[in-house]
């Protein structure tokens, strides 16, 4: 979902979501947070329709952070037995929803040169070797894909970037 697809008003947020948004003081963080919630609510509405159920009103859907920071979905205050992951980049957001098990994680990244030290700091020796074997023109994409896969896995584990990314082998 792009920033242009989200409404400019906040009427679709629940009261608790509006409270969270009010505490965010950095404009970019506010935009990203709102866009992630909009994407999640849209995906949850589609999920309901695909399951043969009526789509809940957006105001009844809440996307709130659990104690570990992972997003959790509620409808009318009741937790949904789903796995939910959010990501945003460059005024675009995505949401991934599925059954609780296996847990899901997603990451949205723009392919960009991250510098030579990036792989050394965040990748295993094996992953660094794979990147170095590639032609130079393919390395930025490979680094982005490996990084995105690591972030997705760490989100699925509900630890995010609190863990050393070298603990995950892609």
N, C-alpha and C. Protein backbone atom coordinates (compact mmCIF):
# COMPACT_ATOMS: atom_id res chain seq x y z
N UNK A 1 0.86 -1.17 0.00
CA UNK A 1 0.00 0.00 0.00
C UNK A 1 0.90 1.23 0.00
N UNK A 2 0.59 2.17 -0.84
CA UNK A 2 1.39 3.40 -0.89
C UNK A 2 0.75 4.47 0.00
N UNK A 3 1.54 5.46 0.34
CA UNK A 3 1.07 6.56 1.16
C UNK A 3 -0.17 7.22 0.55
N UNK A 4 -0.23 7.27 -0.78
CA UNK A 4 -1.37 7.88 -1.46
C UNK A 4 -2.68 7.12 -1.25
N UNK A 5 -2.59 5.83 -0.91
CA UNK A 5 -3.79 5.01 -0.73
C UNK A 5 -4.38 5.10 0.66
N UNK A 6 -3.64 5.65 1.61
CA UNK A 6 -4.13 5.76 2.98
C UNK A 6 -4.88 7.08 3.15
N UNK A 7 -5.92 7.08 3.96
CA UNK A 7 -6.66 8.33 4.15
C UNK A 7 -5.83 9.36 4.92
N UNK A 8 -6.14 10.61 4.72
CA UNK A 8 -5.42 11.67 5.42
C UNK A 8 -5.96 11.89 6.83
N UNK A 9 -7.18 11.44 7.10
CA UNK A 9 -7.78 11.59 8.43
C UNK A 9 -7.46 10.37 9.29
N UNK A 10 -7.77 10.44 10.57
CA UNK A 10 -7.47 9.35 11.50
C UNK A 10 -8.72 8.67 12.04
N UNK A 11 -9.88 8.89 11.43
CA UNK A 11 -11.13 8.33 11.93
C UNK A 11 -11.14 6.81 11.92
N UNK A 12 -10.30 6.19 11.12
CA UNK A 12 -10.25 4.73 11.01
C UNK A 12 -9.42 4.09 12.13
N UNK A 13 -8.74 4.90 12.93
CA UNK A 13 -7.96 4.37 14.05
C UNK A 13 -8.87 4.13 15.26
N UNK A 14 -8.56 3.10 16.03
CA UNK A 14 -9.27 2.89 17.29
C UNK A 14 -8.77 3.93 18.30
N UNK A 15 -9.45 4.03 19.42
CA UNK A 15 -9.04 5.00 20.46
C UNK A 15 -7.64 4.68 20.96
N UNK A 16 -7.34 3.39 21.18
CA UNK A 16 -5.99 3.03 21.66
C UNK A 16 -4.93 3.31 20.60
N UNK A 17 -5.26 3.06 19.34
CA UNK A 17 -4.30 3.36 18.28
C UNK A 17 -4.05 4.86 18.20
N UNK A 18 -5.10 5.65 18.34
CA UNK A 18 -4.96 7.11 18.31
C UNK A 18 -4.06 7.59 19.45
N UNK A 19 -4.14 6.94 20.59
CA UNK A 19 -3.27 7.28 21.72
C UNK A 19 -1.81 6.99 21.39
N UNK A 20 -1.55 5.85 20.76
CA UNK A 20 -0.18 5.51 20.37
C UNK A 20 0.33 6.54 19.37
N UNK A 21 -0.47 6.84 18.36
CA UNK A 21 -0.07 7.80 17.34
C UNK A 21 0.24 9.17 17.97
N UNK A 22 -0.54 9.58 18.95
CA UNK A 22 -0.34 10.88 19.59
C UNK A 22 1.01 10.95 20.31
N UNK A 23 1.54 9.81 20.73
CA UNK A 23 2.83 9.79 21.43
C UNK A 23 4.02 9.82 20.47
N UNK A 24 3.78 9.62 19.19
CA UNK A 24 4.86 9.63 18.20
C UNK A 24 5.10 11.07 17.75
N UNK A 25 6.28 11.58 18.02
CA UNK A 25 6.54 13.00 17.74
C UNK A 25 7.26 13.25 16.41
N UNK A 26 7.91 12.25 15.86
CA UNK A 26 8.65 12.42 14.60
C UNK A 26 7.70 12.16 13.43
N UNK A 27 7.60 13.12 12.54
CA UNK A 27 6.64 13.06 11.43
C UNK A 27 6.80 11.79 10.59
N UNK A 28 8.03 11.44 10.22
CA UNK A 28 8.24 10.23 9.40
C UNK A 28 7.78 8.98 10.15
N UNK A 29 8.08 8.89 11.43
CA UNK A 29 7.66 7.74 12.22
C UNK A 29 6.13 7.67 12.28
N UNK A 30 5.47 8.82 12.43
CA UNK A 30 4.01 8.86 12.45
C UNK A 30 3.44 8.36 11.12
N UNK A 31 4.01 8.85 9.99
CA UNK A 31 3.53 8.42 8.66
C UNK A 31 3.72 6.91 8.48
N UNK A 32 4.90 6.41 8.83
CA UNK A 32 5.18 4.98 8.67
C UNK A 32 4.26 4.14 9.54
N UNK A 33 4.07 4.56 10.79
CA UNK A 33 3.22 3.82 11.72
C UNK A 33 1.79 3.76 11.19
N UNK A 34 1.23 4.92 10.78
CA UNK A 34 -0.12 4.97 10.23
C UNK A 34 -0.25 4.07 9.00
N UNK A 35 0.73 4.17 8.10
CA UNK A 35 0.66 3.41 6.87
C UNK A 35 0.71 1.91 7.14
N UNK A 36 1.54 1.49 8.09
CA UNK A 36 1.59 0.08 8.46
C UNK A 36 0.27 -0.42 9.02
N UNK A 37 -0.38 0.41 9.84
CA UNK A 37 -1.68 0.02 10.41
C UNK A 37 -2.74 -0.04 9.31
N UNK A 38 -2.71 0.92 8.40
CA UNK A 38 -3.68 0.89 7.29
C UNK A 38 -3.49 -0.38 6.46
N UNK A 39 -2.25 -0.71 6.14
CA UNK A 39 -1.98 -1.93 5.35
C UNK A 39 -2.48 -3.15 6.10
N UNK A 40 -2.22 -3.22 7.40
CA UNK A 40 -2.65 -4.38 8.19
C UNK A 40 -4.17 -4.51 8.20
N UNK A 41 -4.85 -3.40 8.37
CA UNK A 41 -6.31 -3.44 8.41
C UNK A 41 -6.89 -3.85 7.06
N UNK A 42 -6.29 -3.38 6.00
CA UNK A 42 -6.76 -3.78 4.67
C UNK A 42 -6.56 -5.28 4.45
N UNK A 43 -5.40 -5.80 4.84
CA UNK A 43 -5.13 -7.23 4.67
C UNK A 43 -6.06 -8.05 5.54
N UNK A 44 -6.32 -7.61 6.77
CA UNK A 44 -7.22 -8.35 7.66
C UNK A 44 -8.66 -8.35 7.13
N UNK A 45 -9.07 -7.26 6.51
CA UNK A 45 -10.40 -7.23 5.90
C UNK A 45 -10.48 -8.23 4.73
N UNK A 46 -9.43 -8.26 3.91
CA UNK A 46 -9.39 -9.24 2.80
C UNK A 46 -9.36 -10.66 3.34
N UNK A 47 -8.60 -10.89 4.40
CA UNK A 47 -8.50 -12.21 5.03
C UNK A 47 -9.89 -12.67 5.47
N UNK A 48 -10.65 -11.79 6.09
CA UNK A 48 -12.00 -12.13 6.54
C UNK A 48 -12.89 -12.51 5.36
N UNK A 49 -12.84 -11.69 4.31
CA UNK A 49 -13.66 -11.97 3.12
C UNK A 49 -13.27 -13.30 2.49
N UNK A 50 -11.97 -13.59 2.44
CA UNK A 50 -11.51 -14.86 1.85
C UNK A 50 -11.97 -16.05 2.68
N UNK A 51 -12.17 -15.84 3.99
CA UNK A 51 -12.64 -16.90 4.88
C UNK A 51 -14.16 -16.99 4.89
N UNK A 52 -14.83 -16.18 4.03
CA UNK A 52 -16.29 -16.22 3.96
C UNK A 52 -16.98 -15.47 5.08
N UNK A 53 -16.26 -14.58 5.74
CA UNK A 53 -16.83 -13.79 6.82
C UNK A 53 -16.94 -12.33 6.39
N UNK A 54 -17.83 -11.58 7.00
CA UNK A 54 -17.89 -10.15 6.66
C UNK A 54 -16.62 -9.44 7.12
N UNK A 55 -16.20 -8.48 6.35
CA UNK A 55 -15.01 -7.70 6.71
C UNK A 55 -15.37 -6.76 7.85
N UNK A 56 -14.61 -6.79 8.94
CA UNK A 56 -14.90 -5.88 10.05
C UNK A 56 -14.60 -4.44 9.67
N UNK A 57 -15.30 -3.51 10.27
CA UNK A 57 -15.02 -2.09 10.06
C UNK A 57 -13.60 -1.81 10.54
N UNK A 58 -12.93 -0.92 9.85
CA UNK A 58 -11.54 -0.60 10.20
C UNK A 58 -11.40 -0.09 11.63
N UNK A 59 -12.41 0.66 12.10
CA UNK A 59 -12.34 1.21 13.45
C UNK A 59 -12.42 0.12 14.52
N UNK A 60 -12.98 -1.04 14.17
CA UNK A 60 -13.10 -2.16 15.12
C UNK A 60 -11.84 -3.01 15.14
N UNK A 61 -11.02 -2.86 14.10
CA UNK A 61 -9.75 -3.59 14.05
C UNK A 61 -8.69 -2.76 14.75
N UNK A 62 -7.94 -3.39 15.62
CA UNK A 62 -6.82 -2.70 16.27
C UNK A 62 -5.54 -3.47 15.99
N UNK A 63 -4.50 -2.74 15.69
CA UNK A 63 -3.16 -3.32 15.53
C UNK A 63 -2.32 -2.69 16.63
N UNK A 64 -1.99 -3.47 17.62
CA UNK A 64 -1.24 -2.98 18.78
C UNK A 64 0.02 -3.80 18.98
N UNK A 65 1.02 -3.18 19.55
CA UNK A 65 2.29 -3.87 19.81
C UNK A 65 2.16 -4.73 21.06
N UNK A 66 2.62 -5.97 20.95
CA UNK A 66 2.70 -6.85 22.10
C UNK A 66 3.88 -6.42 22.97
N UNK A 67 4.05 -7.06 24.10
CA UNK A 67 5.17 -6.72 24.98
C UNK A 67 6.52 -6.85 24.29
N UNK A 68 6.62 -7.78 23.33
CA UNK A 68 7.88 -7.97 22.62
C UNK A 68 8.01 -7.04 21.41
N UNK A 69 7.00 -6.19 21.19
CA UNK A 69 7.04 -5.23 20.09
C UNK A 69 6.38 -5.70 18.81
N UNK A 70 6.08 -6.98 18.70
CA UNK A 70 5.46 -7.51 17.49
C UNK A 70 4.01 -7.03 17.40
N UNK A 71 3.53 -6.78 16.19
CA UNK A 71 2.14 -6.34 16.05
C UNK A 71 1.18 -7.49 16.29
N UNK A 72 0.08 -7.17 16.95
CA UNK A 72 -0.98 -8.14 17.16
C UNK A 72 -2.30 -7.51 16.76
N UNK A 73 -3.19 -8.33 16.22
CA UNK A 73 -4.47 -7.83 15.70
C UNK A 73 -5.61 -8.21 16.64
N UNK A 74 -6.54 -7.26 16.79
CA UNK A 74 -7.72 -7.44 17.61
C UNK A 74 -8.92 -6.94 16.81
N UNK A 75 -10.07 -7.58 17.03
CA UNK A 75 -11.33 -7.06 16.49
C UNK A 75 -12.28 -6.96 17.67
N UNK A 76 -12.82 -5.76 17.86
CA UNK A 76 -13.72 -5.47 18.97
C UNK A 76 -13.09 -5.88 20.30
N UNK A 77 -11.79 -5.66 20.42
CA UNK A 77 -11.08 -5.95 21.66
C UNK A 77 -10.65 -7.39 21.84
N UNK A 78 -11.03 -8.28 20.93
CA UNK A 78 -10.68 -9.70 21.06
C UNK A 78 -9.48 -10.01 20.16
N UNK A 79 -8.46 -10.70 20.70
CA UNK A 79 -7.29 -11.02 19.87
C UNK A 79 -7.65 -11.99 18.75
N UNK A 80 -7.08 -11.76 17.59
CA UNK A 80 -7.28 -12.68 16.47
C UNK A 80 -6.18 -13.75 16.52
N UNK A 81 -6.53 -15.01 16.29
CA UNK A 81 -5.53 -16.09 16.34
C UNK A 81 -4.73 -16.16 15.04
N UNK A 82 -4.00 -15.08 14.77
CA UNK A 82 -3.26 -14.95 13.51
C UNK A 82 -1.82 -14.54 13.77
N UNK A 83 -1.01 -14.79 12.78
CA UNK A 83 0.35 -14.24 12.75
C UNK A 83 0.31 -13.02 11.85
N UNK A 84 0.88 -11.91 12.31
CA UNK A 84 0.85 -10.65 11.56
C UNK A 84 2.24 -10.05 11.56
N UNK A 85 2.67 -9.58 10.42
CA UNK A 85 3.95 -8.89 10.31
C UNK A 85 3.76 -7.66 9.45
N UNK A 86 4.46 -6.59 9.80
CA UNK A 86 4.38 -5.33 9.07
C UNK A 86 5.77 -4.87 8.67
N UNK A 87 5.82 -4.12 7.57
CA UNK A 87 7.07 -3.49 7.16
C UNK A 87 6.72 -2.26 6.32
N UNK A 88 7.64 -1.31 6.30
CA UNK A 88 7.45 -0.12 5.48
C UNK A 88 8.79 0.39 5.01
N UNK A 89 8.75 1.03 3.84
CA UNK A 89 9.95 1.60 3.25
C UNK A 89 9.52 2.56 2.14
N UNK A 90 10.14 3.72 2.10
CA UNK A 90 9.90 4.65 1.00
C UNK A 90 8.43 4.94 0.76
N UNK A 91 7.68 5.29 1.80
CA UNK A 91 6.25 5.61 1.71
C UNK A 91 5.40 4.48 1.15
N UNK A 92 5.85 3.25 1.38
CA UNK A 92 5.10 2.06 1.01
C UNK A 92 5.11 1.13 2.22
N UNK A 93 3.98 0.48 2.46
CA UNK A 93 3.89 -0.47 3.57
C UNK A 93 3.32 -1.78 3.07
N UNK A 94 3.66 -2.84 3.79
CA UNK A 94 3.08 -4.15 3.51
C UNK A 94 2.72 -4.81 4.82
N UNK A 95 1.74 -5.68 4.74
CA UNK A 95 1.33 -6.48 5.88
C UNK A 95 1.17 -7.91 5.41
N UNK A 96 1.58 -8.82 6.25
CA UNK A 96 1.48 -10.24 5.95
C UNK A 96 0.69 -10.87 7.08
N UNK A 97 -0.35 -11.63 6.74
CA UNK A 97 -1.18 -12.28 7.75
C UNK A 97 -1.37 -13.73 7.36
N UNK A 98 -1.43 -14.57 8.37
CA UNK A 98 -1.67 -15.99 8.15
C UNK A 98 -2.01 -16.67 9.46
N UNK A 99 -2.14 -17.97 9.41
CA UNK A 99 -2.41 -18.71 10.64
C UNK A 99 -1.30 -18.44 11.65
N UNK A 100 -1.62 -18.63 12.92
CA UNK A 100 -0.65 -18.34 13.97
C UNK A 100 0.64 -19.16 13.80
N UNK A 101 0.49 -20.40 13.39
CA UNK A 101 1.65 -21.25 13.17
C UNK A 101 1.65 -21.72 11.72
N UNK A 102 2.74 -21.65 11.01
CA UNK A 102 4.01 -21.09 11.48
C UNK A 102 3.94 -19.57 11.54
N UNK A 103 4.72 -19.01 12.44
CA UNK A 103 4.77 -17.55 12.58
C UNK A 103 5.34 -16.94 11.29
N UNK A 104 4.89 -15.73 10.99
CA UNK A 104 5.31 -15.06 9.76
C UNK A 104 6.15 -13.83 10.08
N UNK A 105 6.97 -13.47 9.13
CA UNK A 105 7.73 -12.23 9.21
C UNK A 105 7.92 -11.70 7.81
N UNK A 106 7.89 -10.37 7.66
CA UNK A 106 8.12 -9.78 6.35
C UNK A 106 8.98 -8.55 6.49
N UNK A 107 9.65 -8.19 5.42
CA UNK A 107 10.46 -6.98 5.40
C UNK A 107 10.44 -6.42 3.99
N UNK A 108 10.29 -5.13 3.92
CA UNK A 108 10.25 -4.42 2.65
C UNK A 108 11.48 -3.52 2.59
N UNK A 109 12.30 -3.70 1.58
CA UNK A 109 13.55 -2.95 1.45
C UNK A 109 13.72 -2.46 0.02
N UNK A 110 14.32 -1.32 -0.11
CA UNK A 110 14.72 -0.81 -1.42
C UNK A 110 16.15 -1.28 -1.66
N UNK A 111 16.42 -1.76 -2.87
CA UNK A 111 17.78 -2.16 -3.21
C UNK A 111 18.66 -0.91 -3.23
N UNK A 112 19.70 -0.95 -2.42
CA UNK A 112 20.60 0.20 -2.33
C UNK A 112 21.98 -0.29 -1.92
N UNK A 113 23.01 0.40 -2.35
CA UNK A 113 24.35 0.08 -1.92
C UNK A 113 24.48 0.39 -0.43
N UNK A 114 24.90 -0.58 0.34
CA UNK A 114 24.99 -0.40 1.78
C UNK A 114 26.43 -0.29 2.25
N UNK A 115 27.37 -0.28 1.33
CA UNK A 115 28.77 -0.16 1.72
C UNK A 115 29.39 -1.51 2.03
N UNK A 116 30.70 -1.57 1.93
CA UNK A 116 31.41 -2.84 2.11
C UNK A 116 31.33 -3.37 3.53
N UNK A 117 31.25 -2.50 4.52
CA UNK A 117 31.23 -2.92 5.91
C UNK A 117 29.90 -3.54 6.32
N UNK A 118 28.83 -3.26 5.60
CA UNK A 118 27.51 -3.73 5.98
C UNK A 118 27.49 -5.26 6.10
N UNK A 119 27.93 -5.96 5.05
CA UNK A 119 27.93 -7.43 5.08
C UNK A 119 28.83 -7.94 6.18
N UNK A 120 29.97 -7.32 6.38
CA UNK A 120 30.90 -7.76 7.43
C UNK A 120 30.28 -7.59 8.82
N UNK A 121 29.50 -6.55 9.00
CA UNK A 121 28.90 -6.29 10.31
C UNK A 121 27.67 -7.15 10.61
N UNK A 122 26.90 -7.53 9.57
CA UNK A 122 25.60 -8.17 9.81
C UNK A 122 25.45 -9.58 9.25
N UNK A 123 26.36 -10.02 8.40
CA UNK A 123 26.22 -11.33 7.75
C UNK A 123 27.21 -12.34 8.33
N UNK A 124 26.83 -13.62 8.21
CA UNK A 124 27.74 -14.69 8.59
C UNK A 124 28.89 -14.74 7.58
N UNK A 125 29.95 -15.41 7.93
CA UNK A 125 31.09 -15.56 7.03
C UNK A 125 30.64 -16.25 5.74
N UNK A 126 29.78 -17.26 5.87
CA UNK A 126 29.26 -17.97 4.69
C UNK A 126 28.48 -17.03 3.77
N UNK A 127 27.62 -16.19 4.33
CA UNK A 127 26.84 -15.24 3.53
C UNK A 127 27.75 -14.21 2.87
N UNK A 128 28.75 -13.74 3.60
CA UNK A 128 29.71 -12.79 3.02
C UNK A 128 30.42 -13.42 1.83
N UNK A 129 30.78 -14.69 1.95
CA UNK A 129 31.44 -15.38 0.85
C UNK A 129 30.56 -15.49 -0.37
N UNK A 130 29.27 -15.76 -0.15
CA UNK A 130 28.34 -15.85 -1.28
C UNK A 130 28.23 -14.51 -2.01
N UNK A 131 28.19 -13.44 -1.24
CA UNK A 131 28.10 -12.10 -1.85
C UNK A 131 29.37 -11.81 -2.64
N UNK A 132 30.51 -12.11 -2.08
CA UNK A 132 31.79 -11.82 -2.74
C UNK A 132 31.98 -12.62 -4.03
N UNK A 133 31.33 -13.78 -4.12
CA UNK A 133 31.43 -14.60 -5.33
C UNK A 133 30.66 -14.01 -6.50
N UNK A 134 29.73 -13.12 -6.22
CA UNK A 134 28.89 -12.54 -7.25
C UNK A 134 29.62 -11.45 -8.01
N UNK A 135 29.21 -11.21 -9.26
CA UNK A 135 29.75 -10.05 -9.98
C UNK A 135 29.38 -8.78 -9.21
N UNK A 136 30.24 -7.78 -9.20
CA UNK A 136 29.97 -6.54 -8.45
C UNK A 136 28.59 -5.94 -8.74
N UNK A 137 28.10 -6.04 -9.97
CA UNK A 137 26.81 -5.45 -10.33
C UNK A 137 25.63 -6.14 -9.62
N UNK A 138 25.83 -7.37 -9.14
CA UNK A 138 24.76 -8.12 -8.49
C UNK A 138 24.81 -8.07 -6.96
N UNK A 139 25.83 -7.49 -6.40
CA UNK A 139 26.03 -7.55 -4.95
C UNK A 139 25.02 -6.74 -4.16
N UNK A 140 24.67 -5.55 -4.61
CA UNK A 140 23.71 -4.73 -3.86
C UNK A 140 22.37 -5.45 -3.72
N UNK A 141 21.91 -6.07 -4.81
CA UNK A 141 20.64 -6.81 -4.75
C UNK A 141 20.77 -8.00 -3.79
N UNK A 142 21.86 -8.73 -3.87
CA UNK A 142 22.05 -9.90 -3.00
C UNK A 142 22.10 -9.48 -1.54
N UNK A 143 22.81 -8.40 -1.24
CA UNK A 143 22.88 -7.92 0.14
C UNK A 143 21.49 -7.52 0.63
N UNK A 144 20.73 -6.87 -0.21
CA UNK A 144 19.38 -6.45 0.17
C UNK A 144 18.49 -7.67 0.42
N UNK A 145 18.57 -8.66 -0.45
CA UNK A 145 17.73 -9.87 -0.29
C UNK A 145 18.11 -10.62 0.99
N UNK A 146 19.40 -10.78 1.24
CA UNK A 146 19.84 -11.48 2.46
C UNK A 146 19.40 -10.71 3.70
N UNK A 147 19.62 -9.39 3.69
CA UNK A 147 19.21 -8.57 4.83
C UNK A 147 17.70 -8.68 5.07
N UNK A 148 16.92 -8.58 4.01
CA UNK A 148 15.47 -8.65 4.13
C UNK A 148 15.02 -10.01 4.67
N UNK A 149 15.66 -11.07 4.21
CA UNK A 149 15.33 -12.41 4.70
C UNK A 149 15.67 -12.54 6.19
N UNK A 150 16.79 -11.98 6.61
CA UNK A 150 17.17 -12.01 8.02
C UNK A 150 16.15 -11.25 8.87
N UNK A 151 15.78 -10.05 8.44
CA UNK A 151 14.79 -9.28 9.19
C UNK A 151 13.47 -10.01 9.25
N UNK A 152 13.06 -10.62 8.15
CA UNK A 152 11.81 -11.38 8.13
C UNK A 152 11.85 -12.54 9.12
N UNK A 153 12.95 -13.28 9.15
CA UNK A 153 13.09 -14.40 10.07
C UNK A 153 13.07 -13.93 11.52
N UNK A 154 13.78 -12.85 11.81
CA UNK A 154 13.82 -12.34 13.18
C UNK A 154 12.46 -11.81 13.62
N UNK A 155 11.69 -11.26 12.69
CA UNK A 155 10.32 -10.85 13.02
C UNK A 155 9.46 -12.07 13.30
N UNK A 156 9.60 -13.12 12.51
CA UNK A 156 8.82 -14.34 12.74
C UNK A 156 9.15 -14.94 14.10
N UNK A 157 10.39 -14.81 14.53
CA UNK A 157 10.80 -15.30 15.86
C UNK A 157 10.37 -14.35 16.98
N UNK A 158 9.84 -13.18 16.59
CA UNK A 158 9.37 -12.15 17.52
C UNK A 158 10.49 -11.59 18.39
N UNK A 159 11.67 -11.47 17.77
CA UNK A 159 12.79 -10.85 18.48
C UNK A 159 13.30 -9.63 17.73
N UNK A 160 12.94 -9.50 16.44
CA UNK A 160 13.38 -8.35 15.65
C UNK A 160 14.88 -8.16 15.71
N UNK A 161 15.29 -6.93 15.64
CA UNK A 161 16.72 -6.63 15.61
C UNK A 161 17.33 -6.53 17.01
N UNK A 162 16.65 -7.13 18.00
CA UNK A 162 17.27 -7.23 19.32
C UNK A 162 18.29 -8.36 19.35
N UNK A 163 18.26 -9.23 18.35
CA UNK A 163 19.20 -10.35 18.24
C UNK A 163 20.25 -10.03 17.19
N UNK A 164 21.39 -10.64 17.33
CA UNK A 164 22.49 -10.50 16.38
C UNK A 164 22.06 -11.14 15.06
N UNK A 165 22.10 -10.38 13.98
CA UNK A 165 21.66 -10.90 12.68
C UNK A 165 22.53 -12.04 12.19
N UNK A 166 23.71 -12.20 12.74
CA UNK A 166 24.57 -13.31 12.34
C UNK A 166 24.12 -14.64 12.94
N UNK A 167 23.10 -14.61 13.80
CA UNK A 167 22.52 -15.84 14.35
C UNK A 167 21.57 -16.50 13.36
N UNK A 168 21.24 -15.80 12.28
CA UNK A 168 20.34 -16.31 11.25
C UNK A 168 21.16 -16.51 9.98
N UNK A 169 21.11 -17.70 9.42
CA UNK A 169 21.84 -17.99 8.18
C UNK A 169 20.85 -18.04 7.02
N UNK A 170 21.09 -17.22 6.00
CA UNK A 170 20.24 -17.20 4.82
C UNK A 170 21.00 -17.90 3.70
